[in-house]
Amino acid sequence: MALEGMHRELRGYLDGNGATVAQIVAWQDLWDCAHVRTGYPMPCPKCFLEGEVSRLEPGSSVGDIGRAQCQRCHTVFEISGG
């Protein structure tokens, strides 16, 4: 799935669920680390707002909809353009 679309969807989750600017910046730092360092998790925004850092795993795509699921909370995020 396209990382830009995934980023937009996950960031939208943060925006839509009351994340503060400081939380968004901290989540963005984790997102950036996940792309440059092996072993860093792609951070789940739902868990992040609950004070946890958990890993999103890519799921199967259906048409142009990509999916990612959190290992901890099991939330499935659907990303258009996947």
N, C-alpha and C. Protein backbone atom coordinates (compact mmCIF):
# COMPACT_ATOMS: atom_id res chain seq x y z
N MET A 1 0.84 -1.17 0.00
CA MET A 1 0.00 0.00 0.00
C MET A 1 0.88 1.23 0.00
N ALA A 2 0.43 2.31 -0.59
CA ALA A 2 1.22 3.52 -0.71
C ALA A 2 1.40 4.15 0.67
N LEU A 3 2.65 4.44 1.01
CA LEU A 3 2.93 5.01 2.33
C LEU A 3 2.30 6.39 2.52
N GLU A 4 2.20 7.16 1.44
CA GLU A 4 1.59 8.49 1.57
C GLU A 4 0.13 8.38 1.98
N GLY A 5 -0.59 7.46 1.35
CA GLY A 5 -1.99 7.25 1.69
C GLY A 5 -2.16 6.71 3.10
N MET A 6 -1.27 5.81 3.48
CA MET A 6 -1.32 5.25 4.83
C MET A 6 -1.06 6.35 5.86
N HIS A 7 -0.04 7.16 5.61
CA HIS A 7 0.27 8.25 6.52
C HIS A 7 -0.92 9.20 6.65
N ARG A 8 -1.53 9.54 5.53
CA ARG A 8 -2.67 10.46 5.53
C ARG A 8 -3.83 9.88 6.35
N GLU A 9 -4.11 8.60 6.17
CA GLU A 9 -5.20 7.95 6.90
C GLU A 9 -4.93 7.90 8.40
N LEU A 10 -3.73 7.50 8.77
CA LEU A 10 -3.39 7.38 10.19
C LEU A 10 -3.31 8.74 10.87
N ARG A 11 -2.76 9.70 10.17
CA ARG A 11 -2.72 11.07 10.71
C ARG A 11 -4.14 11.62 10.86
N GLY A 12 -5.02 11.29 9.90
CA GLY A 12 -6.41 11.70 10.00
C GLY A 12 -7.09 11.10 11.23
N TYR A 13 -6.70 9.87 11.58
CA TYR A 13 -7.25 9.25 12.79
C TYR A 13 -6.85 10.08 14.01
N LEU A 14 -5.59 10.48 14.06
CA LEU A 14 -5.13 11.30 15.19
C LEU A 14 -5.89 12.61 15.24
N ASP A 15 -6.00 13.29 14.11
CA ASP A 15 -6.70 14.57 14.04
C ASP A 15 -8.16 14.42 14.47
N GLY A 16 -8.80 13.37 14.01
CA GLY A 16 -10.22 13.17 14.28
C GLY A 16 -10.53 12.67 15.69
N ASN A 17 -9.50 12.29 16.42
CA ASN A 17 -9.71 11.77 17.77
C ASN A 17 -9.05 12.62 18.85
N GLY A 18 -8.88 13.90 18.54
CA GLY A 18 -8.47 14.86 19.55
C GLY A 18 -7.00 14.89 19.92
N ALA A 19 -6.13 14.41 19.05
CA ALA A 19 -4.69 14.45 19.36
C ALA A 19 -4.21 15.89 19.46
N THR A 20 -3.35 16.14 20.42
CA THR A 20 -2.74 17.46 20.56
C THR A 20 -1.61 17.60 19.55
N VAL A 21 -1.14 18.81 19.36
CA VAL A 21 -0.01 19.03 18.46
C VAL A 21 1.20 18.24 18.95
N ALA A 22 1.44 18.23 20.25
CA ALA A 22 2.58 17.50 20.80
C ALA A 22 2.45 16.00 20.54
N GLN A 23 1.24 15.45 20.65
CA GLN A 23 1.03 14.03 20.36
C GLN A 23 1.28 13.73 18.88
N ILE A 24 0.82 14.61 18.02
CA ILE A 24 1.02 14.40 16.59
C ILE A 24 2.50 14.44 16.25
N VAL A 25 3.23 15.38 16.83
CA VAL A 25 4.68 15.47 16.58
C VAL A 25 5.37 14.20 17.08
N ALA A 26 5.00 13.72 18.27
CA ALA A 26 5.63 12.51 18.81
C ALA A 26 5.30 11.29 17.96
N TRP A 27 4.04 11.18 17.51
CA TRP A 27 3.66 10.07 16.63
C TRP A 27 4.43 10.14 15.31
N GLN A 28 4.57 11.35 14.77
CA GLN A 28 5.30 11.54 13.52
C GLN A 28 6.75 11.11 13.67
N ASP A 29 7.35 11.40 14.81
CA ASP A 29 8.73 10.96 15.06
C ASP A 29 8.83 9.43 15.01
N LEU A 30 7.85 8.73 15.61
CA LEU A 30 7.84 7.27 15.56
C LEU A 30 7.64 6.77 14.13
N TRP A 31 6.74 7.41 13.41
CA TRP A 31 6.50 7.05 12.00
C TRP A 31 7.80 7.16 11.20
N ASP A 32 8.50 8.29 11.38
CA ASP A 32 9.75 8.52 10.65
C ASP A 32 10.80 7.46 11.01
N CYS A 33 10.91 7.13 12.30
CA CYS A 33 11.87 6.11 12.73
C CYS A 33 11.56 4.76 12.11
N ALA A 34 10.29 4.44 11.98
CA ALA A 34 9.89 3.15 11.41
C ALA A 34 10.35 3.00 9.97
N HIS A 35 10.56 4.11 9.29
CA HIS A 35 10.97 4.06 7.89
C HIS A 35 12.47 4.06 7.68
N VAL A 36 13.22 4.41 8.71
CA VAL A 36 14.67 4.47 8.53
C VAL A 36 15.43 3.48 9.42
N ARG A 37 14.76 2.89 10.39
CA ARG A 37 15.44 1.97 11.31
C ARG A 37 14.73 0.63 11.34
N THR A 38 15.45 -0.41 11.10
CA THR A 38 14.91 -1.76 11.16
C THR A 38 14.47 -2.07 12.58
N GLY A 39 13.30 -2.67 12.70
CA GLY A 39 12.81 -3.09 14.01
C GLY A 39 11.89 -2.12 14.70
N TYR A 40 11.85 -0.87 14.23
CA TYR A 40 10.93 0.10 14.84
C TYR A 40 9.53 -0.15 14.29
N PRO A 41 8.52 -0.14 15.17
CA PRO A 41 7.17 -0.43 14.69
C PRO A 41 6.54 0.73 13.94
N MET A 42 5.72 0.39 12.93
CA MET A 42 4.86 1.37 12.29
C MET A 42 3.77 1.63 13.33
N PRO A 43 3.70 2.83 13.93
CA PRO A 43 2.87 3.03 15.13
C PRO A 43 1.37 3.12 14.86
N CYS A 44 0.62 2.38 15.66
CA CYS A 44 -0.84 2.43 15.62
C CYS A 44 -1.30 3.74 16.28
N PRO A 45 -2.07 4.57 15.58
CA PRO A 45 -2.48 5.83 16.18
C PRO A 45 -3.47 5.66 17.33
N LYS A 46 -4.30 4.63 17.29
CA LYS A 46 -5.26 4.40 18.37
C LYS A 46 -4.51 4.08 19.67
N CYS A 47 -3.60 3.14 19.61
CA CYS A 47 -2.81 2.77 20.78
C CYS A 47 -1.95 3.94 21.25
N PHE A 48 -1.40 4.69 20.30
CA PHE A 48 -0.56 5.82 20.66
C PHE A 48 -1.35 6.82 21.52
N LEU A 49 -2.60 7.07 21.16
CA LEU A 49 -3.43 7.99 21.95
C LEU A 49 -3.76 7.42 23.32
N GLU A 50 -3.62 6.11 23.47
CA GLU A 50 -3.85 5.45 24.76
C GLU A 50 -2.55 5.29 25.54
N GLY A 51 -1.46 5.86 25.03
CA GLY A 51 -0.19 5.82 25.72
C GLY A 51 0.67 4.61 25.44
N GLU A 52 0.35 3.86 24.41
CA GLU A 52 1.11 2.66 24.04
C GLU A 52 1.73 2.83 22.66
N VAL A 53 2.81 2.13 22.42
CA VAL A 53 3.38 2.06 21.08
C VAL A 53 3.25 0.62 20.63
N SER A 54 2.49 0.44 19.56
CA SER A 54 2.28 -0.92 19.05
C SER A 54 2.44 -0.92 17.55
N ARG A 55 2.62 -2.09 17.02
CA ARG A 55 2.98 -2.28 15.61
C ARG A 55 1.76 -2.51 14.73
N LEU A 56 1.71 -1.78 13.62
CA LEU A 56 0.74 -2.06 12.57
C LEU A 56 1.36 -3.03 11.59
N GLU A 57 0.60 -4.03 11.22
CA GLU A 57 1.04 -5.02 10.24
C GLU A 57 0.20 -4.86 8.98
N PRO A 58 0.82 -4.89 7.81
CA PRO A 58 0.03 -4.80 6.58
C PRO A 58 -0.86 -6.02 6.43
N GLY A 59 -2.06 -5.78 5.94
CA GLY A 59 -3.00 -6.86 5.68
C GLY A 59 -3.25 -6.98 4.19
N SER A 60 -4.20 -7.81 3.85
CA SER A 60 -4.52 -8.01 2.44
C SER A 60 -5.30 -6.81 1.90
N SER A 61 -5.10 -6.55 0.63
CA SER A 61 -5.81 -5.47 -0.04
C SER A 61 -7.00 -6.05 -0.78
N VAL A 62 -8.03 -5.22 -0.89
CA VAL A 62 -9.21 -5.57 -1.67
C VAL A 62 -9.42 -4.44 -2.66
N GLY A 63 -9.20 -4.73 -3.92
CA GLY A 63 -9.28 -3.67 -4.93
C GLY A 63 -8.24 -2.61 -4.65
N ASP A 64 -8.68 -1.37 -4.55
CA ASP A 64 -7.73 -0.29 -4.27
C ASP A 64 -7.74 0.11 -2.79
N ILE A 65 -8.27 -0.76 -1.94
CA ILE A 65 -8.29 -0.51 -0.50
C ILE A 65 -7.24 -1.40 0.17
N GLY A 66 -6.24 -0.76 0.78
CA GLY A 66 -5.23 -1.48 1.54
C GLY A 66 -5.66 -1.56 2.99
N ARG A 67 -5.10 -2.48 3.72
CA ARG A 67 -5.45 -2.65 5.13
C ARG A 67 -4.19 -2.82 5.96
N ALA A 68 -4.29 -2.30 7.19
CA ALA A 68 -3.25 -2.53 8.19
C ALA A 68 -3.96 -2.80 9.51
N GLN A 69 -3.43 -3.75 10.28
CA GLN A 69 -4.06 -4.11 11.56
C GLN A 69 -3.04 -4.00 12.68
N CYS A 70 -3.49 -3.49 13.80
CA CYS A 70 -2.64 -3.35 14.98
C CYS A 70 -2.51 -4.70 15.68
N GLN A 71 -1.29 -5.02 16.07
CA GLN A 71 -1.03 -6.26 16.80
C GLN A 71 -1.63 -6.23 18.21
N ARG A 72 -1.74 -5.06 18.81
CA ARG A 72 -2.21 -4.94 20.19
C ARG A 72 -3.72 -4.82 20.29
N CYS A 73 -4.30 -3.80 19.64
CA CYS A 73 -5.73 -3.53 19.79
C CYS A 73 -6.57 -4.18 18.69
N HIS A 74 -5.92 -4.67 17.65
CA HIS A 74 -6.56 -5.37 16.53
C HIS A 74 -7.43 -4.47 15.66
N THR A 75 -7.29 -3.15 15.82
CA THR A 75 -8.00 -2.22 14.96
C THR A 75 -7.49 -2.37 13.54
N VAL A 76 -8.41 -2.37 12.58
CA VAL A 76 -8.06 -2.45 11.17
C VAL A 76 -8.26 -1.07 10.57
N PHE A 77 -7.22 -0.57 9.95
CA PHE A 77 -7.28 0.71 9.24
C PHE A 77 -7.34 0.42 7.75
N GLU A 78 -8.29 1.03 7.08
CA GLU A 78 -8.43 0.86 5.63
C GLU A 78 -7.90 2.10 4.95
N ILE A 79 -7.06 1.86 3.96
CA ILE A 79 -6.36 2.95 3.27
C ILE A 79 -6.71 2.91 1.80
N SER A 80 -7.40 3.96 1.33
CA SER A 80 -7.75 3.98 -0.09
C SER A 80 -6.51 4.22 -0.93
N GLY A 81 -6.52 3.67 -2.11
CA GLY A 81 -5.36 3.79 -2.99
C GLY A 81 -4.30 2.76 -2.70
N GLY A 82 -4.64 1.73 -1.88
CA GLY A 82 -3.67 0.72 -1.46
C GLY A 82 -3.28 -0.18 -2.55
